[in-house]
Amino acid sequence: MTDPHQPATAPGTSEGGIERRAAIAETLGKEIWPADRDQLIAKAQETPDADRVVADLRRLPEGQQFGNVQEVAEALGIGTEQQRF
């Protein structure tokens, strides 16, 4: 039986992926978009204790613009919610 008080995870995501994406979003904020890999890394390096986020961002392809955290997550292979129709 499923515990009704447990948080739900949307299809296409994992709890770890959600946490990673949330850390990236929190570290980068809303004002940076759109941005390329180097801009994202530079912004993340301004935040103390963001080593994991910086390591993730270093894996992004160079020369590509990202419009939001969702696009960054997709490029990193972090699960993203599937759209509901």
Protein backbone atom coordinates (compact mmCIF):
# COMPACT_ATOMS: atom_id res chain seq x y z
CA MET A 1 0.00 0.00 0.00
CA THR A 2 1.26 3.47 -0.89
CA ASP A 3 1.68 6.00 1.90
CA PRO A 4 -0.63 8.92 0.99
CA HIS A 5 1.74 11.32 2.75
CA GLN A 6 4.71 10.49 0.56
CA PRO A 7 5.52 13.12 -2.09
CA ALA A 8 4.67 12.05 -5.61
CA THR A 9 7.29 11.97 -8.32
CA ALA A 10 6.06 12.80 -11.80
CA PRO A 11 6.64 10.29 -14.59
CA GLY A 12 10.03 10.88 -16.22
CA THR A 13 11.63 12.13 -13.02
CA SER A 14 13.45 10.76 -10.02
CA GLU A 15 13.75 12.26 -6.58
CA GLY A 16 17.50 12.74 -7.14
CA GLY A 17 16.86 14.42 -10.48
CA ILE A 18 14.33 16.77 -8.94
CA GLU A 19 16.82 17.71 -6.21
CA ARG A 20 19.61 18.32 -8.76
CA ARG A 21 17.36 20.47 -10.93
CA ALA A 22 16.17 22.42 -7.88
CA ALA A 23 19.78 23.04 -6.82
CA ILE A 24 20.62 24.32 -10.31
CA ALA A 25 17.55 26.60 -10.33
CA GLU A 26 18.29 27.96 -6.87
CA THR A 27 21.95 28.59 -7.68
CA LEU A 28 21.33 30.32 -11.01
CA GLY A 29 18.21 32.34 -10.21
CA LYS A 30 15.79 33.80 -12.73
CA GLU A 31 17.72 36.77 -14.14
CA ILE A 32 20.42 34.91 -16.08
CA TRP A 33 18.30 33.44 -18.89
CA PRO A 34 19.05 32.96 -21.72
CA ALA A 35 22.66 32.00 -21.13
CA ASP A 36 25.36 29.73 -22.48
CA ARG A 37 27.43 27.16 -20.61
CA ASP A 38 30.20 29.58 -19.64
CA GLN A 39 27.76 32.20 -18.33
CA LEU A 40 25.97 29.57 -16.27
CA ILE A 41 29.21 28.26 -14.80
CA ALA A 42 30.40 31.78 -13.95
CA LYS A 43 27.09 32.54 -12.21
CA ALA A 44 27.16 29.27 -10.25
CA GLN A 45 30.73 29.93 -9.10
CA GLU A 46 29.47 33.07 -7.33
CA THR A 47 27.50 30.85 -4.94
CA PRO A 48 29.34 29.21 -2.03
CA ASP A 49 28.98 25.42 -1.80
CA ALA A 50 27.75 25.05 -5.38
CA ASP A 51 30.45 22.57 -6.39
CA ARG A 52 27.94 19.92 -7.50
CA VAL A 53 26.04 22.43 -9.62
CA VAL A 54 29.26 23.72 -11.21
CA ALA A 55 30.32 20.13 -11.96
CA ASP A 56 26.94 19.48 -13.62
CA LEU A 57 27.13 22.69 -15.66
CA ARG A 58 30.63 21.82 -16.91
CA ARG A 59 29.03 18.82 -18.65
CA LEU A 60 26.85 21.07 -20.83
CA PRO A 61 27.75 21.41 -24.51
CA GLU A 62 29.68 24.55 -25.40
CA GLY A 63 28.21 27.16 -27.72
CA GLN A 64 24.58 26.37 -26.93
CA GLN A 65 22.12 28.86 -25.43
CA PHE A 66 19.78 27.66 -22.70
CA GLY A 67 16.50 29.44 -22.07
CA ASN A 68 15.68 27.96 -18.68
CA VAL A 69 16.49 25.29 -16.11
CA GLN A 70 14.34 22.74 -17.96
CA GLU A 71 16.59 23.00 -21.03
CA VAL A 72 19.69 22.63 -18.84
CA ALA A 73 18.20 19.55 -17.15
CA GLU A 74 17.36 17.98 -20.51
CA ALA A 75 20.90 18.63 -21.81
CA LEU A 76 22.33 17.00 -18.67
CA GLY A 77 20.05 13.98 -18.97
CA ILE A 78 18.30 14.79 -15.71
CA GLY A 79 14.75 13.49 -15.83
CA THR A 80 12.12 16.09 -16.53
CA GLU A 81 8.39 15.92 -16.10
CA GLN A 82 6.48 14.69 -19.08
CA GLN A 83 3.86 17.10 -20.32
CA ARG A 84 0.31 16.18 -19.50
CA PHE A 85 -2.30 16.57 -22.20
